[in-house]
Structures are given as C-alpha cells and as structure tokens.
Amino acid sequence: MGGDTQAKDEGEFIFIYSTFGSVADAERAAEALVGEKLAACVNIHGGMRSVYEWKGAVEKEDEAAAFIKTRAALKENVMARLRDLHPYEVPAMLVLPIMGGNADYLEWARGQVED
C-alpha cells in the first residue's frame, strides 16, 4: 500500500476506553452503540480489578473494561450516547488514538459506522 492510504488511515479511528461494573452492563452499552452504527466493534474484558478513591473512600471493585472502536469524527456523539447508557455517575470515557492498521480491517470498520 502506498503512503496515501497510511495518511488517510492515521487518526481516522479511535478507541474510547470505559469501565463498567459488570460484563453484562458493558454488553448492553456495546450492543446499543454497535446497533446504532456509532461503533464498529466493542472489545469487552472482564475480570479486571480497579482500585480508586470515590467520595473520600478507597474502593476496590471488579469491573469490565470496554474498548469502543469508532471514527474520530464520531467521538462526541459516541461519548454523549455512552453517558446515557452508562450506569456510573461519572463514567470513564478516555479517547485513545488508533494510528493505523491493516487496510482490510479498517475498510470493514468504515462500513460499520455512520459517516
């Protein structure tokens, strides 16, 4: 592939990383985002342990991490919808860049999300 394809792909897609209290909660959000063409795919990883301070107390909770793959141009729409779907009062919604990838996967992903 030529340099033009690399330049086009660079920064076109992002991950939005979020955590949930259960795999089931993450799946509900993922199904909505994929079904509404806001995400191409969501990878959910259960069995994660989080330690954080919340309202003055150190908390230790089992959580599930979700990596939401979407177009960078949809970031605000995805985050607004994720906030509606998320059970947490203050959900983590962290944007991570995807600097490129294999052309066939990226072409598939383009077809899964709205322009």
N, C-alpha and C. Protein backbone atom coordinates (compact mmCIF):
# COMPACT_ATOMS: atom_id res chain seq x y z
N MET A 1 0.84 -1.19 0.00
CA MET A 1 0.00 0.00 0.00
C MET A 1 0.87 1.24 0.00
N GLY A 2 0.44 2.26 -0.64
CA GLY A 2 1.20 3.50 -0.73
C GLY A 2 1.02 4.37 0.49
N GLY A 3 1.79 5.43 0.54
CA GLY A 3 1.75 6.36 1.65
C GLY A 3 0.42 7.07 1.79
N ASP A 4 -0.30 7.26 0.67
CA ASP A 4 -1.58 7.96 0.74
C ASP A 4 -2.58 7.22 1.62
N THR A 5 -2.62 5.90 1.52
CA THR A 5 -3.53 5.11 2.35
C THR A 5 -3.15 5.25 3.81
N GLN A 6 -1.85 5.17 4.12
CA GLN A 6 -1.40 5.33 5.50
C GLN A 6 -1.84 6.68 6.06
N ALA A 7 -1.66 7.74 5.29
CA ALA A 7 -2.03 9.08 5.76
C ALA A 7 -3.53 9.17 5.99
N LYS A 8 -4.31 8.56 5.13
CA LYS A 8 -5.77 8.58 5.28
C LYS A 8 -6.20 7.87 6.56
N ASP A 9 -5.58 6.71 6.83
CA ASP A 9 -5.96 5.91 7.98
C ASP A 9 -5.50 6.52 9.29
N GLU A 10 -4.39 7.23 9.29
CA GLU A 10 -3.81 7.73 10.53
C GLU A 10 -4.76 8.72 11.20
N GLY A 11 -5.21 8.36 12.38
CA GLY A 11 -6.09 9.23 13.15
C GLY A 11 -7.55 9.16 12.78
N GLU A 12 -7.91 8.36 11.77
CA GLU A 12 -9.32 8.27 11.37
C GLU A 12 -10.16 7.56 12.43
N PHE A 13 -9.55 6.58 13.10
CA PHE A 13 -10.25 5.79 14.10
C PHE A 13 -9.67 6.03 15.48
N ILE A 14 -10.50 5.83 16.49
CA ILE A 14 -10.09 5.95 17.89
C ILE A 14 -10.68 4.79 18.68
N PHE A 15 -10.12 4.56 19.85
CA PHE A 15 -10.75 3.76 20.89
C PHE A 15 -11.33 4.73 21.90
N ILE A 16 -12.50 4.45 22.41
CA ILE A 16 -12.98 5.11 23.63
C ILE A 16 -12.98 4.02 24.69
N TYR A 17 -12.15 4.22 25.70
CA TYR A 17 -11.99 3.25 26.79
C TYR A 17 -12.95 3.61 27.91
N SER A 18 -13.67 2.62 28.40
CA SER A 18 -14.59 2.85 29.51
C SER A 18 -14.61 1.61 30.39
N THR A 19 -14.98 1.78 31.63
CA THR A 19 -15.12 0.64 32.55
C THR A 19 -16.55 0.56 33.04
N PHE A 20 -16.96 -0.67 33.34
CA PHE A 20 -18.32 -0.96 33.79
C PHE A 20 -18.27 -1.87 35.00
N GLY A 21 -19.34 -1.90 35.77
CA GLY A 21 -19.42 -2.74 36.95
C GLY A 21 -19.60 -4.21 36.65
N SER A 22 -19.96 -4.54 35.41
CA SER A 22 -20.14 -5.95 35.03
C SER A 22 -20.01 -6.09 33.53
N VAL A 23 -19.72 -7.30 33.10
CA VAL A 23 -19.69 -7.60 31.67
C VAL A 23 -21.07 -7.36 31.07
N ALA A 24 -22.12 -7.70 31.79
CA ALA A 24 -23.49 -7.51 31.28
C ALA A 24 -23.78 -6.03 31.00
N ASP A 25 -23.37 -5.14 31.91
CA ASP A 25 -23.56 -3.70 31.68
C ASP A 25 -22.78 -3.24 30.46
N ALA A 26 -21.55 -3.72 30.31
CA ALA A 26 -20.73 -3.35 29.16
C ALA A 26 -21.36 -3.87 27.87
N GLU A 27 -21.88 -5.09 27.90
CA GLU A 27 -22.52 -5.66 26.70
C GLU A 27 -23.75 -4.88 26.29
N ARG A 28 -24.55 -4.44 27.27
CA ARG A 28 -25.74 -3.65 26.94
C ARG A 28 -25.35 -2.37 26.21
N ALA A 29 -24.34 -1.68 26.72
CA ALA A 29 -23.88 -0.46 26.08
C ALA A 29 -23.30 -0.76 24.70
N ALA A 30 -22.51 -1.83 24.60
CA ALA A 30 -21.88 -2.20 23.34
C ALA A 30 -22.93 -2.52 22.28
N GLU A 31 -23.94 -3.29 22.64
CA GLU A 31 -24.98 -3.64 21.68
C GLU A 31 -25.69 -2.40 21.15
N ALA A 32 -25.95 -1.44 22.03
CA ALA A 32 -26.60 -0.20 21.59
C ALA A 32 -25.69 0.58 20.65
N LEU A 33 -24.43 0.74 21.00
CA LEU A 33 -23.51 1.53 20.18
C LEU A 33 -23.29 0.89 18.82
N VAL A 34 -23.13 -0.42 18.78
CA VAL A 34 -22.95 -1.12 17.50
C VAL A 34 -24.25 -1.07 16.70
N GLY A 35 -25.36 -1.33 17.36
CA GLY A 35 -26.65 -1.32 16.67
C GLY A 35 -27.03 0.03 16.09
N GLU A 36 -26.57 1.10 16.74
CA GLU A 36 -26.85 2.46 16.28
C GLU A 36 -25.77 2.99 15.33
N LYS A 37 -24.84 2.13 14.91
CA LYS A 37 -23.77 2.49 13.98
C LYS A 37 -22.84 3.57 14.53
N LEU A 38 -22.71 3.63 15.86
CA LEU A 38 -21.78 4.55 16.50
C LEU A 38 -20.44 3.89 16.79
N ALA A 39 -20.40 2.57 16.77
CA ALA A 39 -19.16 1.83 16.99
C ALA A 39 -19.09 0.68 16.00
N ALA A 40 -17.89 0.44 15.49
CA ALA A 40 -17.69 -0.71 14.61
C ALA A 40 -17.65 -1.99 15.41
N CYS A 41 -17.04 -1.92 16.59
CA CYS A 41 -16.82 -3.10 17.42
C CYS A 41 -16.51 -2.63 18.83
N VAL A 42 -16.87 -3.43 19.80
CA VAL A 42 -16.51 -3.15 21.19
C VAL A 42 -15.89 -4.42 21.76
N ASN A 43 -14.66 -4.30 22.25
CA ASN A 43 -13.99 -5.42 22.93
C ASN A 43 -14.20 -5.26 24.42
N ILE A 44 -14.72 -6.31 25.06
CA ILE A 44 -15.02 -6.27 26.49
C ILE A 44 -14.11 -7.27 27.20
N HIS A 45 -13.43 -6.79 28.22
CA HIS A 45 -12.52 -7.62 29.01
C HIS A 45 -13.02 -7.66 30.44
N GLY A 46 -13.50 -8.81 30.88
CA GLY A 46 -13.97 -8.97 32.26
C GLY A 46 -12.83 -9.36 33.18
N GLY A 47 -13.13 -9.46 34.44
CA GLY A 47 -12.15 -9.94 35.40
C GLY A 47 -11.09 -8.92 35.77
N MET A 48 -11.38 -7.66 35.57
CA MET A 48 -10.44 -6.60 35.92
C MET A 48 -10.73 -6.13 37.34
N ARG A 49 -9.71 -5.78 38.07
CA ARG A 49 -9.88 -5.25 39.43
C ARG A 49 -9.43 -3.79 39.42
N SER A 50 -10.27 -2.90 39.90
CA SER A 50 -9.94 -1.48 39.95
C SER A 50 -9.86 -1.01 41.40
N VAL A 51 -8.89 -0.16 41.65
CA VAL A 51 -8.71 0.47 42.96
C VAL A 51 -8.71 1.97 42.71
N TYR A 52 -9.59 2.69 43.39
CA TYR A 52 -9.72 4.12 43.17
C TYR A 52 -10.34 4.77 44.41
N GLU A 53 -10.23 6.07 44.48
CA GLU A 53 -10.88 6.80 45.57
C GLU A 53 -12.17 7.41 45.05
N TRP A 54 -13.23 7.22 45.80
CA TRP A 54 -14.55 7.77 45.42
C TRP A 54 -15.22 8.30 46.67
N LYS A 55 -15.52 9.59 46.66
CA LYS A 55 -16.21 10.25 47.76
C LYS A 55 -15.50 10.00 49.10
N GLY A 56 -14.17 10.11 49.06
CA GLY A 56 -13.38 10.05 50.29
C GLY A 56 -12.97 8.66 50.76
N ALA A 57 -13.38 7.62 50.06
CA ALA A 57 -13.04 6.26 50.48
C ALA A 57 -12.32 5.53 49.34
N VAL A 58 -11.34 4.71 49.69
CA VAL A 58 -10.67 3.88 48.70
C VAL A 58 -11.56 2.67 48.42
N GLU A 59 -11.88 2.50 47.16
CA GLU A 59 -12.77 1.42 46.72
C GLU A 59 -11.96 0.38 45.95
N LYS A 60 -12.37 -0.88 46.06
CA LYS A 60 -11.79 -1.98 45.28
C LYS A 60 -12.96 -2.74 44.69
N GLU A 61 -13.04 -2.74 43.36
CA GLU A 61 -14.20 -3.34 42.69
C GLU A 61 -13.76 -4.19 41.50
N ASP A 62 -14.53 -5.24 41.24
CA ASP A 62 -14.37 -5.98 39.99
C ASP A 62 -15.08 -5.18 38.91
N GLU A 63 -14.44 -5.04 37.78
CA GLU A 63 -15.01 -4.28 36.67
C GLU A 63 -14.73 -4.99 35.36
N ALA A 64 -15.37 -4.49 34.32
CA ALA A 64 -15.11 -4.93 32.95
C ALA A 64 -14.67 -3.71 32.16
N ALA A 65 -13.64 -3.88 31.35
CA ALA A 65 -13.16 -2.79 30.50
C ALA A 65 -13.75 -2.94 29.11
N ALA A 66 -14.10 -1.83 28.51
CA ALA A 66 -14.62 -1.83 27.15
C ALA A 66 -13.77 -0.92 26.28
N PHE A 67 -13.34 -1.44 25.14
CA PHE A 67 -12.62 -0.66 24.14
C PHE A 67 -13.55 -0.49 22.95
N ILE A 68 -14.04 0.71 22.78
CA ILE A 68 -15.03 1.02 21.75
C ILE A 68 -14.28 1.56 20.53
N LYS A 69 -14.37 0.86 19.39
CA LYS A 69 -13.69 1.30 18.17
C LYS A 69 -14.68 2.09 17.32
N THR A 70 -14.30 3.33 17.01
CA THR A 70 -15.17 4.20 16.24
C THR A 70 -14.33 5.19 15.46
N ARG A 71 -14.99 5.96 14.61
CA ARG A 71 -14.32 7.03 13.87
C ARG A 71 -14.09 8.22 14.82
N ALA A 72 -12.96 8.87 14.64
CA ALA A 72 -12.65 10.05 15.45
C ALA A 72 -13.73 11.12 15.28
N ALA A 73 -14.30 11.23 14.09
CA ALA A 73 -15.32 12.24 13.82
C ALA A 73 -16.60 12.01 14.64
N LEU A 74 -16.79 10.79 15.14
CA LEU A 74 -17.99 10.47 15.91
C LEU A 74 -17.78 10.57 17.42
N LYS A 75 -16.60 10.99 17.84
CA LYS A 75 -16.23 10.97 19.26
C LYS A 75 -17.30 11.61 20.15
N GLU A 76 -17.73 12.80 19.85
CA GLU A 76 -18.69 13.49 20.72
C GLU A 76 -20.04 12.77 20.75
N ASN A 77 -20.49 12.27 19.61
CA ASN A 77 -21.77 11.54 19.56
C ASN A 77 -21.69 10.25 20.38
N VAL A 78 -20.57 9.54 20.24
CA VAL A 78 -20.41 8.28 20.98
C VAL A 78 -20.35 8.56 22.48
N MET A 79 -19.60 9.57 22.87
CA MET A 79 -19.48 9.87 24.30
C MET A 79 -20.81 10.33 24.89
N ALA A 80 -21.58 11.09 24.15
CA ALA A 80 -22.89 11.53 24.65
C ALA A 80 -23.82 10.33 24.81
N ARG A 81 -23.82 9.44 23.84
CA ARG A 81 -24.68 8.25 23.93
C ARG A 81 -24.21 7.31 25.02
N LEU A 82 -22.88 7.15 25.15
CA LEU A 82 -22.33 6.30 26.20
C LEU A 82 -22.71 6.82 27.58
N ARG A 83 -22.71 8.13 27.75
CA ARG A 83 -23.12 8.70 29.04
C ARG A 83 -24.56 8.33 29.34
N ASP A 84 -25.44 8.37 28.34
CA ASP A 84 -26.84 7.97 28.53
C ASP A 84 -26.96 6.50 28.92
N LEU A 85 -26.12 5.66 28.33
CA LEU A 85 -26.20 4.21 28.54
C LEU A 85 -25.50 3.75 29.81
N HIS A 86 -24.57 4.54 30.31
CA HIS A 86 -23.67 4.09 31.37
C HIS A 86 -24.33 4.16 32.74
N PRO A 87 -24.17 3.12 33.57
CA PRO A 87 -24.78 3.13 34.90
C PRO A 87 -24.00 3.96 35.93
N TYR A 88 -22.75 4.34 35.63
CA TYR A 88 -21.95 5.08 36.61
C TYR A 88 -22.32 6.56 36.62
N GLU A 89 -22.21 7.17 37.79
CA GLU A 89 -22.44 8.60 37.93
C GLU A 89 -21.38 9.39 37.15
N VAL A 90 -20.14 8.95 37.22
CA VAL A 90 -19.03 9.58 36.49
C VAL A 90 -18.28 8.48 35.74
N PRO A 91 -18.73 8.15 34.54
CA PRO A 91 -18.04 7.09 33.80
C PRO A 91 -16.71 7.57 33.23
N ALA A 92 -15.77 6.66 33.13
CA ALA A 92 -14.53 6.94 32.40
C ALA A 92 -14.84 6.82 30.92
N MET A 93 -14.47 7.83 30.16
CA MET A 93 -14.58 7.81 28.71
C MET A 93 -13.31 8.44 28.18
N LEU A 94 -12.30 7.63 28.00
CA LEU A 94 -10.98 8.11 27.63
C LEU A 94 -10.71 7.80 26.16
N VAL A 95 -10.28 8.79 25.42
CA VAL A 95 -10.05 8.65 23.99
C VAL A 95 -8.59 8.27 23.75
N LEU A 96 -8.40 7.17 23.04
CA LEU A 96 -7.07 6.67 22.70
C LEU A 96 -6.94 6.64 21.18
N PRO A 97 -5.83 7.12 20.63
CA PRO A 97 -5.69 7.14 19.17
C PRO A 97 -5.41 5.76 18.60
N ILE A 98 -5.89 5.55 17.40
CA ILE A 98 -5.51 4.40 16.58
C ILE A 98 -4.77 5.01 15.40
N MET A 99 -3.50 4.75 15.30
CA MET A 99 -2.67 5.42 14.31
C MET A 99 -2.68 4.75 12.94
N GLY A 100 -3.36 3.64 12.82
CA GLY A 100 -3.45 2.94 11.55
C GLY A 100 -3.74 1.48 11.81
N GLY A 101 -3.68 0.69 10.79
CA GLY A 101 -3.95 -0.74 10.93
C GLY A 101 -4.01 -1.39 9.57
N ASN A 102 -4.37 -2.67 9.56
CA ASN A 102 -4.44 -3.36 8.27
C ASN A 102 -5.63 -2.83 7.46
N ALA A 103 -5.38 -2.61 6.18
CA ALA A 103 -6.35 -1.96 5.30
C ALA A 103 -7.68 -2.69 5.24
N ASP A 104 -7.67 -4.02 5.20
CA ASP A 104 -8.93 -4.75 5.08
C ASP A 104 -9.79 -4.59 6.34
N TYR A 105 -9.16 -4.58 7.52
CA TYR A 105 -9.94 -4.37 8.75
C TYR A 105 -10.50 -2.95 8.79
N LEU A 106 -9.67 -1.96 8.47
CA LEU A 106 -10.14 -0.57 8.51
C LEU A 106 -11.26 -0.33 7.50
N GLU A 107 -11.19 -0.98 6.35
CA GLU A 107 -12.26 -0.84 5.37
C GLU A 107 -13.56 -1.44 5.92
N TRP A 108 -13.45 -2.60 6.58
CA TRP A 108 -14.63 -3.19 7.22
C TRP A 108 -15.19 -2.24 8.27
N ALA A 109 -14.33 -1.69 9.11
CA ALA A 109 -14.77 -0.79 10.18
C ALA A 109 -15.47 0.44 9.62
N ARG A 110 -14.96 0.98 8.51
CA ARG A 110 -15.61 2.14 7.89
C ARG A 110 -17.06 1.82 7.54
N GLY A 111 -17.30 0.62 7.07
CA GLY A 111 -18.65 0.23 6.68
C GLY A 111 -19.59 -0.02 7.84
N GLN A 112 -19.05 -0.11 9.06
CA GLN A 112 -19.87 -0.42 10.22
C GLN A 112 -20.40 0.80 10.95
N VAL A 113 -19.77 1.97 10.72
CA VAL A 113 -20.16 3.18 11.45
C VAL A 113 -20.64 4.25 10.47
N GLU A 114 -21.48 5.12 10.97
CA GLU A 114 -22.01 6.18 10.12
C GLU A 114 -20.90 7.13 9.70
N ASP A 115 -21.08 7.77 8.55
CA ASP A 115 -20.09 8.74 8.07
C ASP A 115 -20.17 10.03 8.84
